[in-house]
Amino acid sequence: MNKDGHMHRMAMGPPPPSSSTIMNNATGGGGGMMMKNHHHMMHMTFFGGKNTEILFSGWPGYDNLGMYILALLVVFFMAIFVEFLSHSNYINKSNVDDRVTSGLLQTTLYGLRTSLAYIVMLAVMSFNVGVFLVAIVGHSLGFMVFGSRVFKKSSSEKNLDLPPMSCSC
């Protein structure tokens, strides 16, 4: 507060120097060792392009189209596998004598399916349009093959080991 009773804001100093500035100053400013300073930013809106991070820090990397395509394929096949687990009937109900074993198998498959579904969801949370599209296409194709009537042998296949996946996100 000044003598007139008014409050004044204190001026803030400049932001701290970046690591490349520190390295540049430590090496004499000119031809020394310099670090690349990538500014990693978490997107909060959809964006396009191959320069993204999906699930892990630095993966698939920047300016690497091949790794980006591999990341898209991983997300695509994980989404298909989630649908496979959601619509598969591993336990033949008439041959199940051991309820504990069948219950443990159901629980293990449920845990695997839920884990993979969350991993696909986290990949989509990269907000990359390509990742979003391959996840949707993977889930849709997986549902068409494993869950819809297109490839069912009979309409009596309604007993599933796992409850249907809920989309109450």
C-alpha atoms as a PDB file:
ATOM      1  CA  MET A   1       0.000   0.000   0.000  1.00  0.00           C
ATOM      2  CA  ASN A   2       1.295   3.471  -0.801  1.00  0.00           C
ATOM      3  CA  LYS A   3       0.829   6.576   1.347  1.00  0.00           C
ATOM      4  CA  ASP A   4      -2.514   7.346  -0.371  1.00  0.00           C
ATOM      5  CA  GLY A   5      -3.987   4.006   0.774  1.00  0.00           C
ATOM      6  CA  HIS A   6      -3.969   2.429  -2.702  1.00  0.00           C
ATOM      7  CA  MET A   7      -2.590  -1.027  -3.300  1.00  0.00           C
ATOM      8  CA  HIS A   8      -0.213  -1.543  -6.188  1.00  0.00           C
ATOM      9  CA  ARG A   9       0.678  -4.852  -7.741  1.00  0.00           C
ATOM     10  CA  MET A  10       4.277  -5.866  -7.637  1.00  0.00           C
ATOM     11  CA  ALA A  11       5.853  -6.386 -11.014  1.00  0.00           C
ATOM     12  CA  MET A  12       6.640  -9.991 -11.807  1.00  0.00           C
ATOM     13  CA  GLY A  13      10.034 -10.861 -13.188  1.00  0.00           C
ATOM     14  CA  PRO A  14      10.602 -12.656 -16.474  1.00  0.00           C
ATOM     15  CA  PRO A  15       9.833 -16.350 -16.658  1.00  0.00           C
ATOM     16  CA  PRO A  16      12.651 -18.702 -15.695  1.00  0.00           C
ATOM     17  CA  PRO A  17      14.991 -19.597 -18.536  1.00  0.00           C
ATOM     18  CA  SER A  18      14.357 -22.800 -20.436  1.00  0.00           C
ATOM     19  CA  SER A  19      16.756 -25.712 -20.304  1.00  0.00           C
ATOM     20  CA  SER A  20      18.137 -24.856 -23.752  1.00  0.00           C
ATOM     21  CA  THR A  21      18.851 -21.293 -22.619  1.00  0.00           C
ATOM     22  CA  ILE A  22      20.657 -22.573 -19.531  1.00  0.00           C
ATOM     23  CA  MET A  23      22.670 -25.046 -21.611  1.00  0.00           C
ATOM     24  CA  ASN A  24      23.468 -22.377 -24.204  1.00  0.00           C
ATOM     25  CA  ASN A  25      24.665 -19.932 -21.526  1.00  0.00           C
ATOM     26  CA  ALA A  26      26.715 -22.599 -19.770  1.00  0.00           C
ATOM     27  CA  THR A  27      28.578 -23.444 -22.953  1.00  0.00           C
ATOM     28  CA  GLY A  28      29.437 -19.899 -23.872  1.00  0.00           C
ATOM     29  CA  GLY A  29      26.434 -19.017 -25.974  1.00  0.00           C
ATOM     30  CA  GLY A  30      27.715 -20.041 -29.374  1.00  0.00           C
ATOM     31  CA  GLY A  31      28.820 -23.375 -30.668  1.00  0.00           C
ATOM     32  CA  GLY A  32      28.490 -25.534 -27.576  1.00  0.00           C
ATOM     33  CA  MET A  33      26.096 -28.363 -26.896  1.00  0.00           C
ATOM     34  CA  MET A  34      22.461 -27.382 -27.318  1.00  0.00           C
ATOM     35  CA  MET A  35      19.407 -29.330 -26.325  1.00  0.00           C
ATOM     36  CA  LYS A  36      16.323 -29.475 -28.494  1.00  0.00           C
ATOM     37  CA  ASN A  37      13.507 -27.872 -26.640  1.00  0.00           C
ATOM     38  CA  HIS A  38      10.252 -29.622 -27.602  1.00  0.00           C
ATOM     39  CA  HIS A  39       7.279 -28.022 -25.980  1.00  0.00           C
ATOM     40  CA  HIS A  40       4.987 -30.903 -25.085  1.00  0.00           C
ATOM     41  CA  MET A  41       1.464 -29.735 -24.648  1.00  0.00           C
ATOM     42  CA  MET A  42      -1.581 -31.728 -23.724  1.00  0.00           C
ATOM     43  CA  HIS A  43      -4.320 -30.903 -26.193  1.00  0.00           C
ATOM     44  CA  MET A  44      -7.781 -30.307 -24.852  1.00  0.00           C
ATOM     45  CA  THR A  45      -9.439 -30.124 -28.286  1.00  0.00           C
ATOM     46  CA  PHE A  46      -9.342 -32.467 -31.260  1.00  0.00           C
ATOM     47  CA  PHE A  47      -6.411 -31.968 -33.595  1.00  0.00           C
ATOM     48  CA  GLY A  48      -5.012 -33.726 -36.622  1.00  0.00           C
ATOM     49  CA  GLY A  49      -1.523 -34.806 -37.514  1.00  0.00           C
ATOM     50  CA  LYS A  50       1.056 -37.378 -36.604  1.00  0.00           C
ATOM     51  CA  ASN A  51       2.811 -35.350 -33.908  1.00  0.00           C
ATOM     52  CA  THR A  52       1.113 -36.647 -30.783  1.00  0.00           C
ATOM     53  CA  GLU A  53       1.703 -38.744 -27.717  1.00  0.00           C
ATOM     54  CA  ILE A  54      -0.522 -41.750 -27.134  1.00  0.00           C
ATOM     55  CA  LEU A  55      -0.543 -43.642 -23.831  1.00  0.00           C
ATOM     56  CA  PHE A  56       3.187 -43.227 -23.094  1.00  0.00           C
ATOM     57  CA  SER A  57       5.489 -40.235 -22.953  1.00  0.00           C
ATOM     58  CA  GLY A  58       7.296 -39.924 -26.275  1.00  0.00           C
ATOM     59  CA  TRP A  59       5.241 -42.595 -28.081  1.00  0.00           C
ATOM     60  CA  PRO A  60       4.808 -42.667 -31.045  1.00  0.00           C
ATOM     61  CA  GLY A  61       7.161 -39.699 -31.192  1.00  0.00           C
ATOM     62  CA  TYR A  62       7.365 -36.608 -33.320  1.00  0.00           C
ATOM     63  CA  ASP A  63       7.934 -36.506 -37.084  1.00  0.00           C
ATOM     64  CA  ASN A  64       7.781 -40.302 -37.315  1.00  0.00           C
ATOM     65  CA  LEU A  65       4.965 -41.399 -39.617  1.00  0.00           C
ATOM     66  CA  GLY A  66       5.784 -45.110 -39.316  1.00  0.00           C
ATOM     67  CA  MET A  67       5.462 -45.133 -35.536  1.00  0.00           C
ATOM     68  CA  TYR A  68       2.254 -43.089 -35.732  1.00  0.00           C
ATOM     69  CA  ILE A  69       0.740 -45.663 -38.095  1.00  0.00           C
ATOM     70  CA  LEU A  70       1.877 -48.452 -35.732  1.00  0.00           C
ATOM     71  CA  ALA A  71       0.208 -46.639 -32.816  1.00  0.00           C
ATOM     72  CA  LEU A  72      -3.014 -46.349 -34.816  1.00  0.00           C
ATOM     73  CA  LEU A  73      -2.904 -50.073 -35.605  1.00  0.00           C
ATOM     74  CA  VAL A  74      -2.354 -50.934 -31.924  1.00  0.00           C
ATOM     75  CA  VAL A  75      -5.385 -48.865 -30.888  1.00  0.00           C
ATOM     76  CA  PHE A  76      -7.453 -50.343 -33.747  1.00  0.00           C
ATOM     77  CA  PHE A  77      -6.692 -53.952 -32.808  1.00  0.00           C
ATOM     78  CA  MET A  78      -7.171 -53.301 -29.083  1.00  0.00           C
ATOM     79  CA  ALA A  79     -10.664 -51.933 -29.857  1.00  0.00           C
ATOM     80  CA  ILE A  80     -11.453 -55.039 -31.935  1.00  0.00           C
ATOM     81  CA  PHE A  81     -10.160 -57.277 -29.126  1.00  0.00           C
ATOM     82  CA  VAL A  82     -12.384 -55.482 -26.589  1.00  0.00           C
ATOM     83  CA  GLU A  83     -15.390 -56.310 -28.761  1.00  0.00           C
ATOM     84  CA  PHE A  84     -14.191 -59.901 -29.167  1.00  0.00           C
ATOM     85  CA  LEU A  85     -14.008 -60.289 -25.390  1.00  0.00           C
ATOM     86  CA  SER A  86     -17.368 -58.571 -24.962  1.00  0.00           C
ATOM     87  CA  HIS A  87     -19.219 -60.944 -27.274  1.00  0.00           C
ATOM     88  CA  SER A  88     -17.388 -64.252 -26.831  1.00  0.00           C
ATOM     89  CA  ASN A  89     -18.753 -67.311 -25.087  1.00  0.00           C
ATOM     90  CA  TYR A  90     -15.776 -69.219 -23.725  1.00  0.00           C
ATOM     91  CA  ILE A  91     -17.586 -71.416 -21.250  1.00  0.00           C
ATOM     92  CA  ASN A  92     -20.035 -73.997 -22.524  1.00  0.00           C
ATOM     93  CA  LYS A  93     -22.817 -73.767 -19.916  1.00  0.00           C
ATOM     94  CA  SER A  94     -23.757 -77.448 -20.190  1.00  0.00           C
ATOM     95  CA  ASN A  95     -20.209 -78.682 -19.469  1.00  0.00           C
ATOM     96  CA  VAL A  96     -19.444 -76.457 -16.491  1.00  0.00           C
ATOM     97  CA  ASP A  97     -19.210 -78.538 -13.335  1.00  0.00           C
ATOM     98  CA  ASP A  98     -16.815 -76.386 -11.351  1.00  0.00           C
ATOM     99  CA  ARG A  99     -18.465 -73.061 -10.550  1.00  0.00           C
ATOM    100  CA  VAL A 100     -15.318 -71.653  -8.928  1.00  0.00           C
ATOM    101  CA  THR A 101     -13.152 -72.302 -11.989  1.00  0.00           C
ATOM    102  CA  SER A 102     -15.722 -70.893 -14.389  1.00  0.00           C
ATOM    103  CA  GLY A 103     -16.266 -67.900 -12.090  1.00  0.00           C
ATOM    104  CA  LEU A 104     -12.527 -67.198 -11.968  1.00  0.00           C
ATOM    105  CA  LEU A 105     -12.303 -67.466 -15.747  1.00  0.00           C
ATOM    106  CA  GLN A 106     -15.224 -65.059 -16.168  1.00  0.00           C
ATOM    107  CA  THR A 107     -13.665 -62.617 -13.698  1.00  0.00           C
ATOM    108  CA  THR A 108     -10.277 -62.762 -15.417  1.00  0.00           C
ATOM    109  CA  LEU A 109     -11.828 -62.135 -18.826  1.00  0.00           C
ATOM    110  CA  TYR A 110     -13.934 -59.289 -17.407  1.00  0.00           C
ATOM    111  CA  GLY A 111     -10.826 -57.680 -15.894  1.00  0.00           C
ATOM    112  CA  LEU A 112      -8.898 -58.044 -19.160  1.00  0.00           C
ATOM    113  CA  ARG A 113     -11.758 -56.595 -21.196  1.00  0.00           C
ATOM    114  CA  THR A 114     -12.241 -53.672 -18.834  1.00  0.00           C
ATOM    115  CA  SER A 115      -8.506 -52.927 -18.757  1.00  0.00           C
ATOM    116  CA  LEU A 116      -8.252 -52.910 -22.543  1.00  0.00           C
ATOM    117  CA  ALA A 117     -11.370 -50.735 -22.850  1.00  0.00           C
ATOM    118  CA  TYR A 118      -9.836 -48.190 -20.474  1.00  0.00           C
ATOM    119  CA  ILE A 119      -6.546 -48.244 -22.394  1.00  0.00           C
ATOM    120  CA  VAL A 120      -8.427 -47.511 -25.638  1.00  0.00           C
ATOM    121  CA  MET A 121     -10.286 -44.717 -23.840  1.00  0.00           C
ATOM    122  CA  LEU A 122      -7.005 -43.227 -22.601  1.00  0.00           C
ATOM    123  CA  ALA A 123      -5.605 -43.380 -26.135  1.00  0.00           C
ATOM    124  CA  VAL A 124      -8.639 -41.467 -27.401  1.00  0.00           C
ATOM    125  CA  MET A 125      -7.985 -38.884 -24.695  1.00  0.00           C
ATOM    126  CA  SER A 126      -4.887 -37.861 -26.664  1.00  0.00           C
ATOM    127  CA  PHE A 127      -7.515 -35.871 -28.664  1.00  0.00           C
ATOM    128  CA  ASN A 128      -5.877 -36.930 -31.922  1.00  0.00           C
ATOM    129  CA  VAL A 129      -8.480 -37.298 -34.682  1.00  0.00           C
ATOM    130  CA  GLY A 130      -6.734 -40.335 -36.172  1.00  0.00           C
ATOM    131  CA  VAL A 131      -6.715 -42.183 -32.840  1.00  0.00           C
ATOM    132  CA  PHE A 132     -10.383 -41.341 -32.298  1.00  0.00           C
ATOM    133  CA  LEU A 133     -11.351 -42.600 -35.755  1.00  0.00           C
ATOM    134  CA  VAL A 134      -9.431 -45.903 -35.536  1.00  0.00           C
ATOM    135  CA  ALA A 135     -10.922 -46.580 -32.082  1.00  0.00           C
ATOM    136  CA  ILE A 136     -14.457 -46.022 -33.404  1.00  0.00           C
ATOM    137  CA  VAL A 137     -13.820 -48.101 -36.533  1.00  0.00           C
ATOM    138  CA  GLY A 138     -12.180 -50.852 -34.448  1.00  0.00           C
ATOM    139  CA  HIS A 139     -15.094 -51.039 -32.029  1.00  0.00           C
ATOM    140  CA  SER A 140     -17.607 -50.941 -34.892  1.00  0.00           C
ATOM    141  CA  LEU A 141     -15.854 -53.606 -36.950  1.00  0.00           C
ATOM    142  CA  GLY A 142     -15.381 -55.754 -33.857  1.00  0.00           C
ATOM    143  CA  PHE A 143     -19.058 -55.451 -33.032  1.00  0.00           C
ATOM    144  CA  MET A 144     -20.049 -56.295 -36.600  1.00  0.00           C
ATOM    145  CA  VAL A 145     -17.900 -59.441 -36.606  1.00  0.00           C
ATOM    146  CA  PHE A 146     -18.441 -60.641 -33.029  1.00  0.00           C
ATOM    147  CA  GLY A 147     -21.645 -59.027 -31.772  1.00  0.00           C
ATOM    148  CA  SER A 148     -24.056 -58.439 -34.607  1.00  0.00           C
ATOM    149  CA  ARG A 149     -26.190 -60.963 -36.423  1.00  0.00           C
ATOM    150  CA  VAL A 150     -24.082 -60.748 -39.569  1.00  0.00           C
ATOM    151  CA  PHE A 151     -21.825 -63.678 -38.654  1.00  0.00           C
ATOM    152  CA  LYS A 152     -23.980 -65.534 -36.088  1.00  0.00           C
ATOM    153  CA  LYS A 153     -24.762 -69.155 -36.868  1.00  0.00           C
ATOM    154  CA  SER A 154     -28.107 -69.100 -35.081  1.00  0.00           C
ATOM    155  CA  SER A 155     -30.264 -66.634 -33.218  1.00  0.00           C
ATOM    156  CA  SER A 156     -30.087 -68.738 -30.037  1.00  0.00           C
ATOM    157  CA  GLU A 157     -26.562 -67.518 -29.164  1.00  0.00           C
ATOM    158  CA  LYS A 158     -27.605 -65.108 -26.448  1.00  0.00           C
ATOM    159  CA  ASN A 159     -25.705 -66.505 -23.453  1.00  0.00           C
ATOM    160  CA  LEU A 160     -22.518 -64.539 -22.895  1.00  0.00           C
ATOM    161  CA  ASP A 161     -19.824 -65.155 -20.307  1.00  0.00           C
ATOM    162  CA  LEU A 162     -19.398 -61.421 -19.837  1.00  0.00           C
ATOM    163  CA  PRO A 163     -22.077 -58.810 -19.344  1.00  0.00           C
ATOM    164  CA  PRO A 164     -22.418 -56.398 -22.247  1.00  0.00           C
ATOM    165  CA  MET A 165     -20.070 -53.428 -22.192  1.00  0.00           C
ATOM    166  CA  SER A 166     -21.702 -50.356 -20.721  1.00  0.00           C
ATOM    167  CA  CYS A 167     -21.068 -46.959 -22.316  1.00  0.00           C
ATOM    168  CA  SER A 168     -22.022 -44.907 -19.268  1.00  0.00           C
ATOM    169  CA  CYS A 169     -18.803 -42.882 -19.340  1.00  0.00           C
END
